[in-house]
Amino acid sequence: MASLVYNNTALLALTTGLNLATNDMRVALLQTTTTADTEEEVALMNGFTTLGECSVTSYALQALANEAVAIDTTNDRAEFDADDAAFGTLEAGQTIQGMLIHDHNTDDTDSIPYFFTEFSSNLVLNGTSVTLNFDAEGLLHGKQGT
C-alpha cells in the first residue's frame, strides 16, 4: 500500500483528472537518494529535488498491465491494482528504497507522480531478476475519512 500520495493526486481525484485504470501508468524504482518519499507537493516528475531513479544499464521503466479500480465493499474503500511488475535482471551496484507509480506522458516534464511506496527493506541489486509482487489487496486504497 502507498506510503505517500502526492497532493496533486488528491486534487486530480477530486476534479476527475485521474484515471488510474486507463492512463499510461508506469512504475519506477527509486534509490535511497530519492526525495520522492518526502516531497508530497511535487506535481511533475521533474519537480523532485532528487528523483534518484535506478540507473543500471538494463533498467527501464515498466508499464503497469491490467490496471483496475474496484470497490471493496468488505473494507468500504476503492482499490487500485495491477499485475506484478517484472524488471528482468538488473546489474549489481545500487540500493533501491521503493517504487514510484506515475502517469507517463512524453517524459519527466509532463509525467505526473501519483504515489511512492517504500519497501519494507531496501532492495540491493545483485545481478538477479527483479519482480515487484504487488499486494493482493491492491496498490492504493481510497477511503472516506471518518
N, C-alpha and C. Protein backbone atom coordinates (compact mmCIF):
# COMPACT_ATOMS: atom_id res chain seq x y z
N MET A 1 0.85 -1.17 0.00
CA MET A 1 0.00 0.00 0.00
C MET A 1 0.89 1.23 0.00
N ALA A 2 0.40 2.31 -0.55
CA ALA A 2 1.18 3.53 -0.72
C ALA A 2 1.65 4.10 0.61
N SER A 3 2.89 4.59 0.60
CA SER A 3 3.46 5.27 1.75
C SER A 3 3.19 6.77 1.70
N LEU A 4 3.07 7.31 0.48
CA LEU A 4 2.87 8.75 0.31
C LEU A 4 2.06 8.97 -0.95
N VAL A 5 0.95 9.68 -0.84
CA VAL A 5 0.14 10.08 -2.00
C VAL A 5 0.36 11.57 -2.17
N TYR A 6 0.72 11.99 -3.39
CA TYR A 6 1.05 13.38 -3.64
C TYR A 6 -0.20 14.26 -3.64
N ASN A 7 -0.05 15.50 -3.18
CA ASN A 7 -1.17 16.45 -3.11
C ASN A 7 -1.86 16.60 -4.46
N ASN A 8 -1.09 16.62 -5.53
CA ASN A 8 -1.66 16.78 -6.86
C ASN A 8 -2.56 15.59 -7.22
N THR A 9 -2.22 14.39 -6.72
CA THR A 9 -3.05 13.22 -6.95
C THR A 9 -4.42 13.41 -6.31
N ALA A 10 -4.43 13.92 -5.09
CA ALA A 10 -5.70 14.19 -4.41
C ALA A 10 -6.52 15.21 -5.18
N LEU A 11 -5.87 16.26 -5.68
CA LEU A 11 -6.56 17.27 -6.48
C LEU A 11 -7.16 16.65 -7.74
N LEU A 12 -6.36 15.85 -8.45
CA LEU A 12 -6.85 15.21 -9.67
C LEU A 12 -8.02 14.28 -9.38
N ALA A 13 -7.95 13.56 -8.27
CA ALA A 13 -9.04 12.64 -7.90
C ALA A 13 -10.34 13.40 -7.67
N LEU A 14 -10.24 14.58 -7.11
CA LEU A 14 -11.42 15.37 -6.80
C LEU A 14 -11.93 16.17 -8.00
N THR A 15 -11.12 16.28 -9.03
CA THR A 15 -11.52 17.05 -10.20
C THR A 15 -11.65 16.17 -11.45
N THR A 16 -11.73 14.87 -11.27
CA THR A 16 -11.89 13.87 -12.33
C THR A 16 -10.76 13.86 -13.35
N GLY A 17 -9.59 14.36 -13.00
CA GLY A 17 -8.44 14.32 -13.90
C GLY A 17 -7.60 13.08 -13.71
N LEU A 18 -8.03 12.17 -12.87
CA LEU A 18 -7.24 10.99 -12.52
C LEU A 18 -7.98 9.74 -12.99
N ASN A 19 -7.34 8.97 -13.86
CA ASN A 19 -7.94 7.71 -14.28
C ASN A 19 -6.87 6.63 -14.27
N LEU A 20 -6.68 6.01 -13.12
CA LEU A 20 -5.64 5.01 -12.94
C LEU A 20 -5.85 3.79 -13.83
N ALA A 21 -7.07 3.49 -14.19
CA ALA A 21 -7.35 2.29 -14.97
C ALA A 21 -7.05 2.44 -16.45
N THR A 22 -7.02 3.67 -16.98
CA THR A 22 -6.83 3.83 -18.42
C THR A 22 -5.60 4.65 -18.81
N ASN A 23 -5.02 5.41 -17.89
CA ASN A 23 -3.83 6.18 -18.22
C ASN A 23 -2.62 5.26 -18.39
N ASP A 24 -1.55 5.77 -19.00
CA ASP A 24 -0.32 5.00 -19.20
C ASP A 24 0.48 5.03 -17.90
N MET A 25 0.16 4.10 -17.01
CA MET A 25 0.78 4.07 -15.69
C MET A 25 2.09 3.29 -15.74
N ARG A 26 3.14 3.86 -15.13
CA ARG A 26 4.46 3.23 -15.10
C ARG A 26 4.96 3.15 -13.67
N VAL A 27 5.87 2.21 -13.44
CA VAL A 27 6.49 2.07 -12.14
C VAL A 27 7.99 2.30 -12.30
N ALA A 28 8.53 3.15 -11.42
CA ALA A 28 9.95 3.46 -11.41
C ALA A 28 10.55 2.96 -10.10
N LEU A 29 11.76 2.43 -10.17
CA LEU A 29 12.48 2.03 -8.97
C LEU A 29 13.35 3.21 -8.55
N LEU A 30 13.26 3.60 -7.27
CA LEU A 30 14.00 4.76 -6.77
C LEU A 30 15.01 4.33 -5.72
N GLN A 31 16.20 4.90 -5.85
CA GLN A 31 17.30 4.60 -4.94
C GLN A 31 17.12 5.31 -3.59
N THR A 32 17.98 4.99 -2.66
CA THR A 32 17.92 5.57 -1.32
C THR A 32 18.24 7.06 -1.32
N THR A 33 18.71 7.60 -2.43
CA THR A 33 19.00 9.04 -2.54
C THR A 33 17.75 9.87 -2.87
N THR A 34 16.64 9.22 -3.16
CA THR A 34 15.45 9.94 -3.62
C THR A 34 14.87 10.87 -2.56
N THR A 35 14.26 11.94 -3.03
CA THR A 35 13.50 12.81 -2.14
C THR A 35 11.99 12.64 -2.41
N ALA A 36 11.64 11.68 -3.28
CA ALA A 36 10.24 11.44 -3.62
C ALA A 36 9.45 10.91 -2.43
N ASP A 37 10.14 10.47 -1.40
CA ASP A 37 9.46 9.96 -0.20
C ASP A 37 9.06 11.06 0.76
N THR A 38 9.45 12.29 0.49
CA THR A 38 9.16 13.38 1.42
C THR A 38 8.56 14.62 0.75
N GLU A 39 8.57 14.71 -0.56
CA GLU A 39 8.13 15.93 -1.25
C GLU A 39 6.72 15.76 -1.83
N GLU A 40 5.72 15.74 -0.94
CA GLU A 40 4.35 15.47 -1.39
C GLU A 40 3.74 16.59 -2.21
N GLU A 41 4.37 17.76 -2.28
CA GLU A 41 3.82 18.87 -3.05
C GLU A 41 4.21 18.85 -4.52
N VAL A 42 5.05 17.91 -4.93
CA VAL A 42 5.53 17.85 -6.32
C VAL A 42 4.40 17.45 -7.26
N ALA A 43 4.27 18.17 -8.38
CA ALA A 43 3.19 17.92 -9.34
C ALA A 43 3.67 17.20 -10.60
N LEU A 44 4.95 17.31 -10.94
CA LEU A 44 5.51 16.65 -12.12
C LEU A 44 6.80 15.92 -11.73
N MET A 45 7.13 14.88 -12.46
CA MET A 45 8.30 14.06 -12.14
C MET A 45 9.59 14.87 -12.05
N ASN A 46 9.75 15.88 -12.89
CA ASN A 46 10.99 16.65 -12.85
C ASN A 46 11.01 17.67 -11.71
N GLY A 47 9.97 17.67 -10.87
CA GLY A 47 9.91 18.61 -9.75
C GLY A 47 10.61 18.12 -8.49
N PHE A 48 10.98 16.85 -8.45
CA PHE A 48 11.66 16.34 -7.26
C PHE A 48 13.07 16.90 -7.18
N THR A 49 13.50 17.24 -5.96
CA THR A 49 14.87 17.71 -5.77
C THR A 49 15.84 16.66 -6.27
N THR A 50 15.62 15.40 -5.88
CA THR A 50 16.41 14.27 -6.35
C THR A 50 15.47 13.11 -6.61
N LEU A 51 15.22 12.80 -7.88
CA LEU A 51 14.37 11.66 -8.19
C LEU A 51 15.08 10.37 -7.78
N GLY A 52 16.35 10.23 -8.12
CA GLY A 52 17.12 9.06 -7.72
C GLY A 52 16.67 7.77 -8.37
N GLU A 53 16.21 7.87 -9.62
CA GLU A 53 15.74 6.66 -10.30
C GLU A 53 16.90 5.71 -10.57
N CYS A 54 16.62 4.44 -10.52
CA CYS A 54 17.60 3.40 -10.81
C CYS A 54 18.25 3.71 -12.16
N SER A 55 19.56 3.48 -12.25
CA SER A 55 20.25 3.84 -13.48
C SER A 55 21.20 2.75 -13.98
N VAL A 56 21.03 1.52 -13.53
CA VAL A 56 21.87 0.46 -14.08
C VAL A 56 21.49 0.26 -15.55
N THR A 57 22.41 -0.27 -16.34
CA THR A 57 22.25 -0.34 -17.79
C THR A 57 20.99 -1.06 -18.24
N SER A 58 20.63 -2.15 -17.61
CA SER A 58 19.49 -2.95 -18.08
C SER A 58 18.14 -2.48 -17.54
N TYR A 59 18.13 -1.45 -16.71
CA TYR A 59 16.88 -0.95 -16.12
C TYR A 59 16.08 -0.14 -17.12
N ALA A 60 14.76 -0.31 -17.06
CA ALA A 60 13.82 0.52 -17.82
C ALA A 60 12.54 0.62 -17.02
N LEU A 61 11.87 1.77 -17.11
CA LEU A 61 10.54 1.91 -16.52
C LEU A 61 9.68 0.75 -16.99
N GLN A 62 8.78 0.30 -16.14
CA GLN A 62 7.87 -0.77 -16.53
C GLN A 62 6.44 -0.24 -16.57
N ALA A 63 5.76 -0.50 -17.67
CA ALA A 63 4.36 -0.13 -17.78
C ALA A 63 3.53 -1.11 -16.95
N LEU A 64 2.58 -0.57 -16.21
CA LEU A 64 1.68 -1.45 -15.48
C LEU A 64 0.73 -2.11 -16.46
N ALA A 65 0.35 -3.34 -16.15
CA ALA A 65 -0.57 -4.08 -17.02
C ALA A 65 -1.81 -4.47 -16.22
N ASN A 66 -2.92 -4.50 -16.92
CA ASN A 66 -4.20 -4.91 -16.34
C ASN A 66 -4.59 -4.08 -15.11
N GLU A 67 -4.41 -2.77 -15.24
CA GLU A 67 -4.81 -1.88 -14.17
C GLU A 67 -6.32 -1.97 -13.96
N ALA A 68 -6.71 -1.90 -12.71
CA ALA A 68 -8.14 -1.98 -12.39
C ALA A 68 -8.43 -1.17 -11.14
N VAL A 69 -9.57 -0.52 -11.14
CA VAL A 69 -10.07 0.19 -9.98
C VAL A 69 -11.40 -0.45 -9.63
N ALA A 70 -11.56 -0.82 -8.36
CA ALA A 70 -12.77 -1.51 -7.95
C ALA A 70 -13.17 -1.08 -6.55
N ILE A 71 -14.42 -1.32 -6.23
CA ILE A 71 -14.94 -1.07 -4.89
C ILE A 71 -14.79 -2.34 -4.06
N ASP A 72 -14.22 -2.21 -2.89
CA ASP A 72 -14.11 -3.31 -1.92
C ASP A 72 -15.16 -3.03 -0.84
N THR A 73 -16.33 -3.66 -0.97
CA THR A 73 -17.41 -3.38 -0.04
C THR A 73 -17.14 -3.94 1.35
N THR A 74 -16.32 -4.97 1.46
CA THR A 74 -15.97 -5.54 2.77
C THR A 74 -15.21 -4.53 3.61
N ASN A 75 -14.27 -3.82 2.97
CA ASN A 75 -13.44 -2.84 3.69
C ASN A 75 -13.89 -1.40 3.47
N ASP A 76 -15.00 -1.20 2.76
CA ASP A 76 -15.55 0.14 2.50
C ASP A 76 -14.51 1.09 1.90
N ARG A 77 -13.96 0.67 0.77
CA ARG A 77 -12.95 1.51 0.12
C ARG A 77 -12.88 1.18 -1.37
N ALA A 78 -12.20 2.03 -2.11
CA ALA A 78 -11.87 1.77 -3.50
C ALA A 78 -10.42 1.30 -3.55
N GLU A 79 -10.11 0.42 -4.48
CA GLU A 79 -8.76 -0.11 -4.59
C GLU A 79 -8.27 -0.01 -6.03
N PHE A 80 -6.98 0.32 -6.17
CA PHE A 80 -6.30 0.32 -7.46
C PHE A 80 -5.31 -0.82 -7.44
N ASP A 81 -5.32 -1.65 -8.48
CA ASP A 81 -4.40 -2.78 -8.55
C ASP A 81 -3.92 -2.96 -9.98
N ALA A 82 -2.86 -3.74 -10.13
CA ALA A 82 -2.29 -4.07 -11.44
C ALA A 82 -1.51 -5.36 -11.29
N ASP A 83 -1.13 -5.93 -12.43
CA ASP A 83 -0.28 -7.12 -12.40
C ASP A 83 1.08 -6.77 -11.79
N ASP A 84 1.75 -7.77 -11.24
CA ASP A 84 3.10 -7.58 -10.73
C ASP A 84 4.00 -7.02 -11.84
N ALA A 85 5.03 -6.27 -11.47
CA ALA A 85 5.92 -5.64 -12.44
C ALA A 85 7.26 -6.37 -12.48
N ALA A 86 7.63 -6.88 -13.65
CA ALA A 86 8.89 -7.62 -13.83
C ALA A 86 9.90 -6.73 -14.54
N PHE A 87 11.05 -6.51 -13.91
CA PHE A 87 12.11 -5.67 -14.47
C PHE A 87 13.21 -6.48 -15.14
N GLY A 88 13.17 -7.80 -15.02
CA GLY A 88 14.24 -8.62 -15.58
C GLY A 88 15.47 -8.57 -14.70
N THR A 89 16.60 -8.98 -15.24
CA THR A 89 17.85 -9.00 -14.48
C THR A 89 18.44 -7.59 -14.44
N LEU A 90 18.72 -7.13 -13.22
CA LEU A 90 19.32 -5.80 -13.03
C LEU A 90 20.70 -5.96 -12.40
N GLU A 91 21.68 -5.29 -12.99
CA GLU A 91 23.05 -5.39 -12.53
C GLU A 91 23.20 -4.95 -11.08
N ALA A 92 24.24 -5.44 -10.44
CA ALA A 92 24.56 -5.07 -9.07
C ALA A 92 25.04 -3.62 -9.01
N GLY A 93 24.97 -3.05 -7.80
CA GLY A 93 25.59 -1.75 -7.61
C GLY A 93 24.70 -0.64 -7.10
N GLN A 94 23.40 -0.87 -6.98
CA GLN A 94 22.52 0.18 -6.47
C GLN A 94 21.58 -0.39 -5.42
N THR A 95 21.15 0.48 -4.53
CA THR A 95 20.21 0.09 -3.47
C THR A 95 18.91 0.84 -3.70
N ILE A 96 17.82 0.08 -3.80
CA ILE A 96 16.51 0.63 -4.13
C ILE A 96 15.68 0.74 -2.86
N GLN A 97 15.14 1.94 -2.62
CA GLN A 97 14.34 2.23 -1.43
C GLN A 97 12.86 1.93 -1.63
N GLY A 98 12.37 2.15 -2.86
CA GLY A 98 10.95 1.96 -3.09
C GLY A 98 10.58 2.17 -4.55
N MET A 99 9.28 2.25 -4.79
CA MET A 99 8.79 2.42 -6.15
C MET A 99 7.88 3.64 -6.23
N LEU A 100 7.87 4.26 -7.40
CA LEU A 100 7.01 5.40 -7.65
C LEU A 100 6.11 5.05 -8.83
N ILE A 101 4.81 5.15 -8.62
CA ILE A 101 3.84 4.93 -9.69
C ILE A 101 3.46 6.29 -10.26
N HIS A 102 3.56 6.41 -11.57
CA HIS A 102 3.24 7.70 -12.19
C HIS A 102 2.53 7.52 -13.52
N ASP A 103 1.86 8.59 -13.92
CA ASP A 103 1.19 8.66 -15.21
C ASP A 103 2.23 9.13 -16.20
N HIS A 104 2.68 8.22 -17.06
CA HIS A 104 3.74 8.54 -18.01
C HIS A 104 3.16 9.23 -19.24
N ASN A 105 3.74 10.38 -19.55
CA ASN A 105 3.36 11.08 -20.77
C ASN A 105 4.57 11.05 -21.70
N THR A 106 5.08 12.16 -22.11
CA THR A 106 6.22 12.16 -23.02
C THR A 106 7.54 11.91 -22.28
N ASP A 107 7.75 12.63 -21.19
CA ASP A 107 8.97 12.49 -20.39
C ASP A 107 8.68 13.05 -19.00
N ASP A 108 9.71 13.24 -18.20
CA ASP A 108 9.51 13.70 -16.82
C ASP A 108 8.95 15.12 -16.72
N THR A 109 9.01 15.90 -17.80
CA THR A 109 8.49 17.27 -17.73
C THR A 109 6.97 17.32 -17.77
N ASP A 110 6.31 16.24 -18.20
CA ASP A 110 4.85 16.24 -18.22
C ASP A 110 4.25 14.96 -17.64
N SER A 111 5.05 14.16 -16.94
CA SER A 111 4.57 12.95 -16.30
C SER A 111 4.23 13.24 -14.84
N ILE A 112 3.09 12.74 -14.39
CA ILE A 112 2.56 13.08 -13.07
C ILE A 112 2.82 11.95 -12.07
N PRO A 113 3.53 12.25 -10.97
CA PRO A 113 3.72 11.22 -9.95
C PRO A 113 2.43 11.06 -9.15
N TYR A 114 2.00 9.81 -8.94
CA TYR A 114 0.78 9.56 -8.18
C TYR A 114 1.08 9.12 -6.76
N PHE A 115 1.95 8.13 -6.59
CA PHE A 115 2.29 7.73 -5.23
C PHE A 115 3.60 6.98 -5.17
N PHE A 116 4.24 7.08 -4.00
CA PHE A 116 5.50 6.42 -3.71
C PHE A 116 5.26 5.38 -2.62
N THR A 117 5.81 4.20 -2.80
CA THR A 117 5.72 3.16 -1.79
C THR A 117 7.12 2.74 -1.39
N GLU A 118 7.41 2.91 -0.11
CA GLU A 118 8.71 2.50 0.41
C GLU A 118 8.65 1.00 0.71
N PHE A 119 9.69 0.27 0.32
CA PHE A 119 9.75 -1.15 0.59
C PHE A 119 9.99 -1.39 2.07
N SER A 120 9.57 -2.54 2.57
CA SER A 120 9.78 -2.87 3.98
C SER A 120 11.26 -2.97 4.32
N SER A 121 12.09 -3.32 3.33
CA SER A 121 13.54 -3.26 3.47
C SER A 121 14.10 -2.93 2.09
N ASN A 122 15.25 -2.27 2.07
CA ASN A 122 15.86 -1.87 0.81
C ASN A 122 16.15 -3.08 -0.07
N LEU A 123 16.03 -2.89 -1.37
CA LEU A 123 16.35 -3.91 -2.35
C LEU A 123 17.75 -3.62 -2.87
N VAL A 124 18.69 -4.51 -2.59
CA VAL A 124 20.06 -4.34 -3.05
C VAL A 124 20.21 -5.11 -4.36
N LEU A 125 20.44 -4.38 -5.44
CA LEU A 125 20.58 -5.03 -6.74
C LEU A 125 21.85 -5.85 -6.76
N ASN A 126 21.73 -7.10 -7.23
CA ASN A 126 22.89 -8.00 -7.20
C ASN A 126 23.02 -8.85 -8.47
N GLY A 127 22.44 -8.40 -9.57
CA GLY A 127 22.56 -9.13 -10.82
C GLY A 127 21.53 -10.22 -11.00
N THR A 128 20.46 -10.17 -10.24
CA THR A 128 19.39 -11.17 -10.38
C THR A 128 18.12 -10.49 -10.91
N SER A 129 17.15 -11.31 -11.22
CA SER A 129 15.88 -10.83 -11.74
C SER A 129 15.08 -10.13 -10.64
N VAL A 130 14.45 -9.02 -10.99
CA VAL A 130 13.66 -8.25 -10.03
C VAL A 130 12.21 -8.21 -10.50
N THR A 131 11.32 -8.70 -9.64
CA THR A 131 9.88 -8.62 -9.88
C THR A 131 9.23 -8.04 -8.64
N LEU A 132 8.41 -7.02 -8.82
CA LEU A 132 7.66 -6.45 -7.70
C LEU A 132 6.33 -7.19 -7.60
N ASN A 133 6.15 -7.91 -6.51
CA ASN A 133 4.92 -8.65 -6.27
C ASN A 133 3.98 -7.75 -5.48
N PHE A 134 2.98 -7.22 -6.15
CA PHE A 134 2.07 -6.27 -5.52
C PHE A 134 1.12 -6.99 -4.57
N ASP A 135 0.75 -6.30 -3.52
CA ASP A 135 -0.15 -6.82 -2.51
C ASP A 135 -1.48 -7.24 -3.14
N ALA A 136 -2.01 -8.36 -2.70
CA ALA A 136 -3.29 -8.86 -3.22
C ALA A 136 -4.44 -7.89 -2.97
N GLU A 137 -4.30 -7.02 -1.96
CA GLU A 137 -5.33 -6.03 -1.65
C GLU A 137 -5.20 -4.77 -2.49
N GLY A 138 -4.22 -4.72 -3.40
CA GLY A 138 -4.08 -3.59 -4.29
C GLY A 138 -2.90 -2.69 -3.96
N LEU A 139 -2.61 -1.80 -4.90
CA LEU A 139 -1.50 -0.86 -4.77
C LEU A 139 -1.88 0.40 -4.00
N LEU A 140 -3.12 0.80 -4.10
CA LEU A 140 -3.56 2.04 -3.48
C LEU A 140 -5.01 1.87 -3.04
N HIS A 141 -5.30 2.35 -1.85
CA HIS A 141 -6.66 2.30 -1.31
C HIS A 141 -7.16 3.72 -1.11
N GLY A 142 -8.40 3.95 -1.44
CA GLY A 142 -9.04 5.23 -1.20
C GLY A 142 -10.25 5.03 -0.33
N LYS A 143 -10.31 5.76 0.77
CA LYS A 143 -11.42 5.59 1.71
C LYS A 143 -11.80 6.94 2.27
N GLN A 144 -13.08 7.15 2.45
CA GLN A 144 -13.56 8.39 3.03
C GLN A 144 -13.10 8.49 4.47
N GLY A 145 -12.67 9.67 4.88
CA GLY A 145 -12.25 9.90 6.25
C GLY A 145 -13.43 9.80 7.21
N THR A 146 -13.12 9.53 8.46
CA THR A 146 -14.21 9.40 9.44
C THR A 146 -14.16 10.53 10.44
